[in-house]
Amino acid sequence: MWLQSHLDAGWRPTEWRPDCWLFTGSVHEPRTSVALCRTVACETVVSPANIFCPFCKEELKKSPLTAEELARTFVPVRNRLPFGGVPEQCRFTKDGQRCVRPRHCRQLCATHYTQWKSHAARNLAGLWEDTAVPYTDIPACPVTACPLPGLAARGLCRHHAQRRDLQLKGQ
C-alpha cells in the first residue's frame, strides 16, 4: 500500500503498467536498456544494445561475412513464430463453424491433433471428426499481461508452461 501511494502515475507510461505491476522496456525509449538486434532487417529485442540476437549470432558463426556485413545485409527467415505472434487457425470445421484455436500440428490445434492421433492409432482416423467440436474460444494465459493463449499444461501458454517445467526440474 505504501509503495502504491508513492508511485508516479505518469512515469514512463509507454513501458509501465501500474494495474499489473509490469514494466516492459521499449526499444523506442532511450532510458531503457533494450534495443533491436544489430541486424538491420531483424526485429528481435535484445539487451544490451548493439548485439546480435541468438538467431543472427548463429548465422554469423556459419557465414563468411564480417559482423558489419551481416548486420547490414542478412535478412533472417524464421520458421518459428516469434513470441507473442499469432499462429494460423486450426483447420477443423464442422457445420460451417471453424475452430478458432491456433494450429499446433497437421494444421490442427493441440486438442484436435490429439483426438485425430488417438483415432489414427486405432485405425479410426476418419471417424474422429464425428465427435469433435470446433472451439469458439481461446483461453488467455493466466499470467498477468501475457498475450499468448493458455492452451498448454495447467492453462498456461506454451512459454510459461515451459518455464514452469524448467523450474520444477530444478527443484
N, C-alpha and C. Protein backbone atom coordinates (compact mmCIF):
# COMPACT_ATOMS: atom_id res chain seq x y z
N MET A 1 0.82 -1.19 0.00
CA MET A 1 0.00 0.00 0.00
C MET A 1 0.87 1.26 0.00
N TRP A 2 1.93 1.27 0.83
CA TRP A 2 2.79 2.43 0.89
C TRP A 2 3.41 2.70 -0.47
N LEU A 3 3.95 1.67 -1.10
CA LEU A 3 4.60 1.84 -2.39
C LEU A 3 3.61 2.36 -3.43
N GLN A 4 2.43 1.81 -3.45
CA GLN A 4 1.42 2.23 -4.41
C GLN A 4 1.09 3.72 -4.26
N SER A 5 1.05 4.21 -3.06
CA SER A 5 0.73 5.62 -2.84
C SER A 5 1.90 6.55 -3.20
N HIS A 6 3.08 6.00 -3.36
CA HIS A 6 4.26 6.80 -3.70
C HIS A 6 4.70 6.67 -5.16
N LEU A 7 3.92 5.98 -5.96
CA LEU A 7 4.25 5.83 -7.38
C LEU A 7 3.79 7.04 -8.17
N ASP A 8 4.56 7.41 -9.17
CA ASP A 8 4.20 8.49 -10.08
C ASP A 8 3.40 7.88 -11.22
N ALA A 9 2.12 8.19 -11.29
CA ALA A 9 1.23 7.60 -12.30
C ALA A 9 1.66 7.92 -13.73
N GLY A 10 2.38 9.00 -13.92
CA GLY A 10 2.82 9.38 -15.26
C GLY A 10 4.21 8.90 -15.62
N TRP A 11 4.82 8.07 -14.76
CA TRP A 11 6.18 7.60 -15.01
C TRP A 11 6.23 6.61 -16.16
N ARG A 12 6.97 6.94 -17.19
CA ARG A 12 7.21 6.08 -18.35
C ARG A 12 5.95 5.33 -18.79
N PRO A 13 4.93 6.07 -19.20
CA PRO A 13 3.62 5.48 -19.48
C PRO A 13 3.60 4.46 -20.63
N THR A 14 4.57 4.51 -21.54
CA THR A 14 4.58 3.52 -22.62
C THR A 14 5.21 2.20 -22.20
N GLU A 15 5.82 2.18 -21.00
CA GLU A 15 6.51 0.98 -20.54
C GLU A 15 5.96 0.40 -19.24
N TRP A 16 5.43 1.25 -18.38
CA TRP A 16 4.98 0.83 -17.06
C TRP A 16 3.47 0.66 -17.02
N ARG A 17 3.02 -0.53 -16.57
CA ARG A 17 1.59 -0.79 -16.40
C ARG A 17 1.31 -0.97 -14.91
N PRO A 18 0.90 0.11 -14.23
CA PRO A 18 0.69 0.01 -12.78
C PRO A 18 -0.45 -0.93 -12.40
N ASP A 19 -1.39 -1.19 -13.31
CA ASP A 19 -2.52 -2.06 -12.99
C ASP A 19 -2.07 -3.50 -12.70
N CYS A 20 -0.94 -3.91 -13.29
CA CYS A 20 -0.46 -5.28 -13.05
C CYS A 20 1.02 -5.31 -12.66
N TRP A 21 1.57 -4.16 -12.28
CA TRP A 21 2.95 -4.05 -11.82
C TRP A 21 3.92 -4.64 -12.83
N LEU A 22 3.73 -4.28 -14.10
CA LEU A 22 4.56 -4.83 -15.17
C LEU A 22 5.31 -3.73 -15.89
N PHE A 23 6.62 -3.88 -15.98
CA PHE A 23 7.46 -2.96 -16.74
C PHE A 23 8.02 -3.71 -17.93
N THR A 24 7.75 -3.19 -19.12
CA THR A 24 8.27 -3.79 -20.35
C THR A 24 9.04 -2.71 -21.08
N GLY A 25 10.34 -2.88 -21.17
CA GLY A 25 11.18 -1.89 -21.84
C GLY A 25 10.82 -1.72 -23.30
N SER A 26 10.91 -0.50 -23.77
CA SER A 26 10.61 -0.18 -25.16
C SER A 26 11.88 0.18 -25.90
N VAL A 27 12.03 -0.33 -27.11
CA VAL A 27 13.21 -0.01 -27.92
C VAL A 27 13.19 1.45 -28.36
N HIS A 28 12.05 2.09 -28.23
CA HIS A 28 11.92 3.49 -28.63
C HIS A 28 12.20 4.46 -27.49
N GLU A 29 12.51 3.93 -26.33
CA GLU A 29 12.77 4.75 -25.15
C GLU A 29 14.27 4.73 -24.85
N PRO A 30 14.95 5.87 -24.98
CA PRO A 30 16.41 5.90 -24.78
C PRO A 30 16.86 5.56 -23.36
N ARG A 31 15.98 5.68 -22.37
CA ARG A 31 16.36 5.37 -20.99
C ARG A 31 16.29 3.87 -20.67
N THR A 32 15.81 3.07 -21.62
CA THR A 32 15.65 1.64 -21.40
C THR A 32 16.82 0.89 -22.01
N SER A 33 17.22 -0.19 -21.37
CA SER A 33 18.40 -0.93 -21.83
C SER A 33 18.09 -2.03 -22.84
N VAL A 34 16.98 -1.94 -23.54
CA VAL A 34 16.70 -2.90 -24.61
C VAL A 34 16.83 -2.21 -25.95
N ALA A 35 17.14 -2.99 -26.97
CA ALA A 35 17.29 -2.46 -28.32
C ALA A 35 16.93 -3.55 -29.31
N LEU A 36 16.90 -3.20 -30.58
CA LEU A 36 16.68 -4.21 -31.61
C LEU A 36 18.01 -4.87 -31.94
N CYS A 37 17.94 -6.08 -32.43
CA CYS A 37 19.11 -6.83 -32.87
C CYS A 37 19.94 -5.97 -33.81
N ARG A 38 21.23 -6.20 -33.78
CA ARG A 38 22.17 -5.43 -34.60
C ARG A 38 21.90 -5.59 -36.11
N THR A 39 21.30 -6.71 -36.51
CA THR A 39 20.95 -6.94 -37.91
C THR A 39 19.82 -5.99 -38.30
N VAL A 40 20.04 -5.19 -39.31
CA VAL A 40 19.08 -4.16 -39.71
C VAL A 40 17.69 -4.73 -39.99
N ALA A 41 17.62 -5.90 -40.63
CA ALA A 41 16.33 -6.48 -41.02
C ALA A 41 15.69 -7.34 -39.93
N CYS A 42 16.30 -7.39 -38.75
CA CYS A 42 15.78 -8.23 -37.66
C CYS A 42 15.05 -7.35 -36.64
N GLU A 43 13.91 -7.83 -36.17
CA GLU A 43 13.12 -7.07 -35.20
C GLU A 43 13.11 -7.70 -33.81
N THR A 44 14.09 -8.54 -33.53
CA THR A 44 14.16 -9.18 -32.22
C THR A 44 14.73 -8.20 -31.19
N VAL A 45 14.09 -8.14 -30.03
CA VAL A 45 14.55 -7.26 -28.96
C VAL A 45 15.68 -7.95 -28.20
N VAL A 46 16.76 -7.20 -27.96
CA VAL A 46 17.94 -7.73 -27.26
C VAL A 46 18.37 -6.77 -26.15
N SER A 47 19.20 -7.27 -25.26
CA SER A 47 19.81 -6.43 -24.24
C SER A 47 21.14 -7.07 -23.90
N PRO A 48 22.20 -6.32 -23.88
CA PRO A 48 22.33 -4.88 -24.11
C PRO A 48 22.23 -4.53 -25.59
N ALA A 49 22.32 -3.25 -25.87
CA ALA A 49 22.23 -2.76 -27.24
C ALA A 49 23.44 -3.18 -28.06
N ASN A 50 23.29 -3.13 -29.36
CA ASN A 50 24.36 -3.38 -30.33
C ASN A 50 24.90 -4.80 -30.29
N ILE A 51 24.02 -5.77 -30.02
CA ILE A 51 24.42 -7.18 -30.11
C ILE A 51 23.48 -7.88 -31.08
N PHE A 52 23.87 -9.07 -31.51
CA PHE A 52 23.02 -9.88 -32.37
C PHE A 52 22.10 -10.74 -31.49
N CYS A 53 20.90 -10.99 -31.98
CA CYS A 53 20.00 -11.93 -31.31
C CYS A 53 20.59 -13.33 -31.51
N PRO A 54 20.14 -14.34 -30.76
CA PRO A 54 20.69 -15.69 -30.93
C PRO A 54 20.60 -16.23 -32.36
N PHE A 55 19.50 -15.95 -33.04
CA PHE A 55 19.32 -16.44 -34.42
C PHE A 55 20.37 -15.85 -35.35
N CYS A 56 20.56 -14.53 -35.29
CA CYS A 56 21.54 -13.86 -36.16
C CYS A 56 22.97 -14.20 -35.74
N LYS A 57 23.18 -14.42 -34.45
CA LYS A 57 24.51 -14.80 -33.96
C LYS A 57 24.92 -16.16 -34.52
N GLU A 58 23.97 -17.09 -34.58
CA GLU A 58 24.25 -18.41 -35.17
C GLU A 58 24.56 -18.27 -36.65
N GLU A 59 23.84 -17.40 -37.33
CA GLU A 59 24.09 -17.17 -38.76
C GLU A 59 25.49 -16.59 -38.95
N LEU A 60 25.90 -15.69 -38.08
CA LEU A 60 27.23 -15.09 -38.18
C LEU A 60 28.32 -16.16 -38.06
N LYS A 61 28.12 -17.13 -37.17
CA LYS A 61 29.10 -18.21 -36.99
C LYS A 61 29.27 -19.01 -38.28
N LYS A 62 28.17 -19.22 -39.02
CA LYS A 62 28.20 -20.03 -40.24
C LYS A 62 28.61 -19.24 -41.47
N SER A 63 28.52 -17.93 -41.39
CA SER A 63 28.70 -17.07 -42.56
C SER A 63 30.15 -16.62 -42.74
N PRO A 64 30.56 -16.44 -44.01
CA PRO A 64 31.89 -15.89 -44.26
C PRO A 64 31.91 -14.36 -44.11
N LEU A 65 30.75 -13.75 -43.90
CA LEU A 65 30.65 -12.30 -43.79
C LEU A 65 31.20 -11.80 -42.46
N THR A 66 31.66 -10.56 -42.46
CA THR A 66 32.05 -9.92 -41.20
C THR A 66 30.78 -9.55 -40.45
N ALA A 67 30.93 -9.23 -39.18
CA ALA A 67 29.77 -8.83 -38.38
C ALA A 67 29.08 -7.62 -38.98
N GLU A 68 29.86 -6.66 -39.46
CA GLU A 68 29.29 -5.44 -40.05
C GLU A 68 28.51 -5.76 -41.32
N GLU A 69 29.08 -6.64 -42.17
CA GLU A 69 28.40 -7.00 -43.42
C GLU A 69 27.11 -7.77 -43.14
N LEU A 70 27.18 -8.70 -42.20
CA LEU A 70 26.00 -9.48 -41.85
C LEU A 70 24.91 -8.56 -41.29
N ALA A 71 25.28 -7.67 -40.41
CA ALA A 71 24.32 -6.74 -39.81
C ALA A 71 23.62 -5.90 -40.88
N ARG A 72 24.34 -5.57 -41.92
CA ARG A 72 23.80 -4.71 -42.98
C ARG A 72 22.97 -5.49 -44.00
N THR A 73 23.34 -6.75 -44.31
CA THR A 73 22.74 -7.45 -45.45
C THR A 73 21.87 -8.65 -45.12
N PHE A 74 22.06 -9.28 -43.98
CA PHE A 74 21.33 -10.51 -43.68
C PHE A 74 19.86 -10.22 -43.40
N VAL A 75 18.99 -11.05 -43.99
CA VAL A 75 17.56 -10.95 -43.75
C VAL A 75 17.13 -12.29 -43.12
N PRO A 76 16.88 -12.29 -41.82
CA PRO A 76 16.52 -13.55 -41.17
C PRO A 76 15.15 -14.07 -41.62
N VAL A 77 15.09 -15.35 -41.90
CA VAL A 77 13.83 -16.01 -42.24
C VAL A 77 13.63 -17.10 -41.20
N ARG A 78 12.67 -16.90 -40.36
CA ARG A 78 12.43 -17.85 -39.27
C ARG A 78 11.27 -18.75 -39.62
N ASN A 79 11.39 -20.01 -39.23
CA ASN A 79 10.27 -20.93 -39.44
C ASN A 79 9.44 -21.07 -38.17
N ARG A 80 9.85 -20.35 -37.12
CA ARG A 80 9.10 -20.36 -35.87
C ARG A 80 8.41 -19.02 -35.67
N LEU A 81 7.33 -19.06 -34.97
CA LEU A 81 6.57 -17.87 -34.67
C LEU A 81 7.27 -17.09 -33.56
N PRO A 82 7.45 -15.78 -33.71
CA PRO A 82 8.08 -15.02 -32.63
C PRO A 82 7.16 -14.94 -31.41
N PHE A 83 7.76 -14.69 -30.24
CA PHE A 83 6.99 -14.58 -29.00
C PHE A 83 5.88 -13.54 -29.19
N GLY A 84 4.68 -13.92 -28.85
CA GLY A 84 3.55 -13.01 -28.98
C GLY A 84 2.91 -13.02 -30.35
N GLY A 85 3.53 -13.73 -31.31
CA GLY A 85 2.98 -13.81 -32.66
C GLY A 85 1.69 -14.62 -32.68
N VAL A 86 0.88 -14.39 -33.67
CA VAL A 86 -0.40 -15.07 -33.78
C VAL A 86 -0.29 -16.18 -34.83
N PRO A 87 -0.41 -17.45 -34.40
CA PRO A 87 -0.32 -18.55 -35.36
C PRO A 87 -1.60 -18.66 -36.19
N GLU A 88 -1.51 -19.42 -37.26
CA GLU A 88 -2.69 -19.64 -38.09
C GLU A 88 -3.71 -20.46 -37.31
N GLN A 89 -4.94 -20.36 -37.77
CA GLN A 89 -6.07 -21.00 -37.12
C GLN A 89 -6.12 -22.50 -37.45
N CYS A 90 -6.64 -23.29 -36.54
CA CYS A 90 -6.89 -24.71 -36.73
C CYS A 90 -7.77 -24.89 -37.97
N ARG A 91 -7.52 -25.94 -38.75
CA ARG A 91 -8.29 -26.13 -39.99
C ARG A 91 -9.61 -26.85 -39.77
N PHE A 92 -9.87 -27.38 -38.56
CA PHE A 92 -11.08 -28.16 -38.33
C PHE A 92 -12.32 -27.27 -38.41
N THR A 93 -13.27 -27.71 -39.26
CA THR A 93 -14.54 -27.01 -39.44
C THR A 93 -15.67 -28.03 -39.38
N LYS A 94 -16.76 -27.66 -38.74
CA LYS A 94 -17.93 -28.54 -38.67
C LYS A 94 -19.19 -27.69 -38.71
N ASP A 95 -20.10 -28.05 -39.58
CA ASP A 95 -21.37 -27.31 -39.73
C ASP A 95 -21.14 -25.82 -39.94
N GLY A 96 -20.12 -25.48 -40.72
CA GLY A 96 -19.83 -24.09 -41.04
C GLY A 96 -19.07 -23.33 -39.96
N GLN A 97 -18.82 -23.95 -38.82
CA GLN A 97 -18.09 -23.30 -37.72
C GLN A 97 -16.65 -23.80 -37.72
N ARG A 98 -15.70 -22.87 -37.81
CA ARG A 98 -14.29 -23.23 -37.81
C ARG A 98 -13.72 -23.07 -36.40
N CYS A 99 -12.85 -23.97 -36.03
CA CYS A 99 -12.17 -23.90 -34.73
C CYS A 99 -11.27 -22.66 -34.72
N VAL A 100 -11.36 -21.86 -33.67
CA VAL A 100 -10.59 -20.61 -33.61
C VAL A 100 -9.23 -20.77 -32.94
N ARG A 101 -8.94 -21.94 -32.40
CA ARG A 101 -7.68 -22.12 -31.68
C ARG A 101 -6.49 -22.20 -32.64
N PRO A 102 -5.31 -21.86 -32.15
CA PRO A 102 -4.13 -21.83 -33.03
C PRO A 102 -3.66 -23.22 -33.45
N ARG A 103 -3.12 -23.27 -34.66
CA ARG A 103 -2.59 -24.53 -35.18
C ARG A 103 -1.42 -25.01 -34.33
N HIS A 104 -1.36 -26.33 -34.21
CA HIS A 104 -0.29 -26.96 -33.45
C HIS A 104 0.50 -27.91 -34.35
N CYS A 105 -0.20 -28.85 -34.97
CA CYS A 105 0.44 -29.85 -35.81
C CYS A 105 -0.58 -30.35 -36.83
N ARG A 106 -0.12 -30.67 -38.03
CA ARG A 106 -1.00 -31.13 -39.10
C ARG A 106 -2.16 -30.16 -39.35
N GLN A 107 -1.92 -28.90 -39.15
CA GLN A 107 -2.89 -27.82 -39.34
C GLN A 107 -4.07 -27.90 -38.37
N LEU A 108 -3.88 -28.61 -37.27
CA LEU A 108 -4.91 -28.74 -36.24
C LEU A 108 -4.41 -28.13 -34.94
N CYS A 109 -5.35 -27.68 -34.10
CA CYS A 109 -4.97 -27.21 -32.76
C CYS A 109 -4.52 -28.42 -31.95
N ALA A 110 -3.95 -28.18 -30.79
CA ALA A 110 -3.40 -29.27 -29.97
C ALA A 110 -4.47 -30.29 -29.60
N THR A 111 -5.66 -29.84 -29.25
CA THR A 111 -6.73 -30.76 -28.85
C THR A 111 -7.20 -31.60 -30.02
N HIS A 112 -7.47 -30.96 -31.16
CA HIS A 112 -7.93 -31.72 -32.33
C HIS A 112 -6.84 -32.65 -32.86
N TYR A 113 -5.59 -32.24 -32.75
CA TYR A 113 -4.49 -33.12 -33.17
C TYR A 113 -4.44 -34.36 -32.28
N THR A 114 -4.60 -34.17 -30.97
CA THR A 114 -4.58 -35.30 -30.03
C THR A 114 -5.74 -36.25 -30.32
N GLN A 115 -6.91 -35.69 -30.61
CA GLN A 115 -8.07 -36.52 -30.94
C GLN A 115 -7.82 -37.31 -32.22
N TRP A 116 -7.30 -36.64 -33.23
CA TRP A 116 -7.00 -37.31 -34.50
C TRP A 116 -5.99 -38.44 -34.29
N LYS A 117 -4.94 -38.13 -33.52
CA LYS A 117 -3.87 -39.09 -33.29
C LYS A 117 -4.38 -40.34 -32.55
N SER A 118 -5.23 -40.15 -31.56
CA SER A 118 -5.74 -41.32 -30.82
C SER A 118 -6.66 -42.16 -31.70
N HIS A 119 -7.42 -41.54 -32.56
CA HIS A 119 -8.26 -42.29 -33.50
C HIS A 119 -7.41 -43.00 -34.55
N ALA A 120 -6.37 -42.32 -35.03
CA ALA A 120 -5.49 -42.91 -36.04
C ALA A 120 -4.77 -44.14 -35.48
N ALA A 121 -4.40 -44.10 -34.21
CA ALA A 121 -3.71 -45.23 -33.59
C ALA A 121 -4.60 -46.47 -33.52
N ARG A 122 -5.90 -46.26 -33.54
CA ARG A 122 -6.86 -47.39 -33.51
C ARG A 122 -7.46 -47.66 -34.89
N ASN A 123 -6.81 -47.12 -35.92
CA ASN A 123 -7.28 -47.25 -37.31
C ASN A 123 -8.68 -46.68 -37.51
N LEU A 124 -8.99 -45.60 -36.80
CA LEU A 124 -10.28 -44.92 -36.91
C LEU A 124 -10.09 -43.46 -37.31
N ALA A 125 -9.02 -43.19 -38.06
CA ALA A 125 -8.64 -41.81 -38.36
C ALA A 125 -9.76 -40.98 -38.96
N GLY A 126 -10.60 -41.55 -39.80
CA GLY A 126 -11.66 -40.79 -40.44
C GLY A 126 -12.84 -40.51 -39.53
N LEU A 127 -12.93 -41.19 -38.39
CA LEU A 127 -14.10 -41.06 -37.52
C LEU A 127 -13.96 -40.01 -36.43
N TRP A 128 -12.78 -39.51 -36.19
CA TRP A 128 -12.58 -38.55 -35.09
C TRP A 128 -13.41 -37.30 -35.29
N GLU A 129 -13.63 -36.93 -36.55
CA GLU A 129 -14.37 -35.70 -36.85
C GLU A 129 -15.84 -35.80 -36.45
N ASP A 130 -16.37 -37.04 -36.36
CA ASP A 130 -17.77 -37.22 -35.99
C ASP A 130 -18.06 -36.72 -34.58
N THR A 131 -17.12 -36.90 -33.67
CA THR A 131 -17.34 -36.49 -32.28
C THR A 131 -16.66 -35.17 -31.91
N ALA A 132 -15.75 -34.72 -32.76
CA ALA A 132 -15.02 -33.47 -32.46
C ALA A 132 -15.92 -32.25 -32.60
N VAL A 133 -15.63 -31.23 -31.82
CA VAL A 133 -16.37 -29.96 -31.91
C VAL A 133 -15.38 -28.83 -32.14
N PRO A 134 -15.74 -27.85 -32.96
CA PRO A 134 -14.85 -26.70 -33.15
C PRO A 134 -14.92 -25.79 -31.93
N TYR A 135 -13.76 -25.35 -31.46
CA TYR A 135 -13.72 -24.46 -30.30
C TYR A 135 -13.98 -23.03 -30.74
N THR A 136 -14.74 -22.32 -29.94
CA THR A 136 -15.10 -20.94 -30.27
C THR A 136 -14.40 -19.93 -29.38
N ASP A 137 -13.58 -20.42 -28.45
CA ASP A 137 -12.87 -19.52 -27.55
C ASP A 137 -11.39 -19.89 -27.50
N ILE A 138 -10.58 -18.91 -27.15
CA ILE A 138 -9.16 -19.14 -26.92
C ILE A 138 -8.90 -18.65 -25.50
N PRO A 139 -8.71 -19.58 -24.57
CA PRO A 139 -8.48 -19.13 -23.19
C PRO A 139 -7.17 -18.35 -23.07
N ALA A 140 -7.19 -17.32 -22.26
CA ALA A 140 -5.99 -16.48 -22.07
C ALA A 140 -5.06 -17.15 -21.07
N CYS A 141 -3.77 -16.93 -21.25
CA CYS A 141 -2.79 -17.38 -20.27
C CYS A 141 -3.06 -16.61 -18.97
N PRO A 142 -3.10 -17.29 -17.83
CA PRO A 142 -3.40 -16.59 -16.57
C PRO A 142 -2.28 -15.70 -16.04
N VAL A 143 -1.11 -15.73 -16.67
CA VAL A 143 -0.02 -14.87 -16.23
C VAL A 143 -0.35 -13.44 -16.65
N THR A 144 -0.33 -12.54 -15.70
CA THR A 144 -0.72 -11.15 -15.93
C THR A 144 -0.01 -10.55 -17.12
N ALA A 145 -0.77 -9.96 -18.02
CA ALA A 145 -0.31 -9.24 -19.21
C ALA A 145 0.32 -10.13 -20.28
N CYS A 146 0.25 -11.44 -20.14
CA CYS A 146 0.79 -12.33 -21.18
C CYS A 146 -0.18 -12.33 -22.36
N PRO A 147 0.32 -12.08 -23.58
CA PRO A 147 -0.57 -12.01 -24.74
C PRO A 147 -0.86 -13.36 -25.39
N LEU A 148 -0.28 -14.43 -24.87
CA LEU A 148 -0.38 -15.73 -25.52
C LEU A 148 -1.58 -16.53 -25.02
N PRO A 149 -2.08 -17.46 -25.86
CA PRO A 149 -3.22 -18.28 -25.45
C PRO A 149 -2.80 -19.34 -24.43
N GLY A 150 -3.66 -19.56 -23.45
CA GLY A 150 -3.39 -20.54 -22.40
C GLY A 150 -3.86 -21.93 -22.79
N LEU A 151 -3.14 -22.56 -23.68
CA LEU A 151 -3.57 -23.86 -24.20
C LEU A 151 -2.65 -25.01 -23.80
N ALA A 152 -1.63 -24.74 -23.01
CA ALA A 152 -0.69 -25.78 -22.58
C ALA A 152 -1.08 -26.29 -21.20
N ALA A 153 -0.16 -26.98 -20.55
CA ALA A 153 -0.42 -27.57 -19.24
C ALA A 153 -0.90 -26.53 -18.23
N ARG A 154 -1.89 -26.92 -17.44
CA ARG A 154 -2.44 -26.07 -16.38
C ARG A 154 -3.01 -24.75 -16.89
N GLY A 155 -3.39 -24.70 -18.17
CA GLY A 155 -3.98 -23.49 -18.72
C GLY A 155 -3.00 -22.39 -19.05
N LEU A 156 -1.71 -22.68 -18.93
CA LEU A 156 -0.69 -21.68 -19.25
C LEU A 156 -0.42 -21.66 -20.75
N CYS A 157 0.21 -20.60 -21.22
CA CYS A 157 0.67 -20.56 -22.60
C CYS A 157 1.91 -21.46 -22.69
N ARG A 158 2.34 -21.76 -23.90
CA ARG A 158 3.49 -22.64 -24.09
C ARG A 158 4.75 -22.09 -23.42
N HIS A 159 4.96 -20.78 -23.55
CA HIS A 159 6.14 -20.14 -22.96
C HIS A 159 6.18 -20.32 -21.44
N HIS A 160 5.08 -19.98 -20.77
CA HIS A 160 5.05 -20.06 -19.32
C HIS A 160 5.00 -21.52 -18.83
N ALA A 161 4.40 -22.42 -19.61
CA ALA A 161 4.40 -23.84 -19.25
C ALA A 161 5.83 -24.39 -19.30
N GLN A 162 6.60 -23.99 -20.31
CA GLN A 162 7.99 -24.44 -20.40
C GLN A 162 8.82 -23.88 -19.24
N ARG A 163 8.60 -22.62 -18.90
CA ARG A 163 9.33 -22.03 -17.77
C ARG A 163 8.97 -22.74 -16.47
N ARG A 164 7.70 -23.07 -16.30
CA ARG A 164 7.25 -23.79 -15.11
C ARG A 164 7.92 -25.16 -15.04
N ASP A 165 7.95 -25.87 -16.17
CA ASP A 165 8.58 -27.20 -16.20
C ASP A 165 10.06 -27.12 -15.85
N LEU A 166 10.75 -26.12 -16.39
CA LEU A 166 12.18 -25.95 -16.08
C LEU A 166 12.39 -25.67 -14.60
N GLN A 167 11.50 -24.85 -14.04
CA GLN A 167 11.61 -24.52 -12.62
C GLN A 167 11.36 -25.76 -11.76
N LEU A 168 10.40 -26.58 -12.14
CA LEU A 168 10.10 -27.79 -11.38
C LEU A 168 11.25 -28.79 -11.46
N LYS A 169 11.91 -28.87 -12.61
CA LYS A 169 13.06 -29.78 -12.77
C LYS A 169 14.23 -29.35 -11.89
N GLY A 170 14.36 -28.04 -11.68
CA GLY A 170 15.46 -27.51 -10.87
C GLY A 170 15.26 -27.71 -9.38
N GLN A 171 14.07 -28.06 -8.96
CA GLN A 171 13.79 -28.21 -7.52
C GLN A 171 14.11 -29.59 -7.03
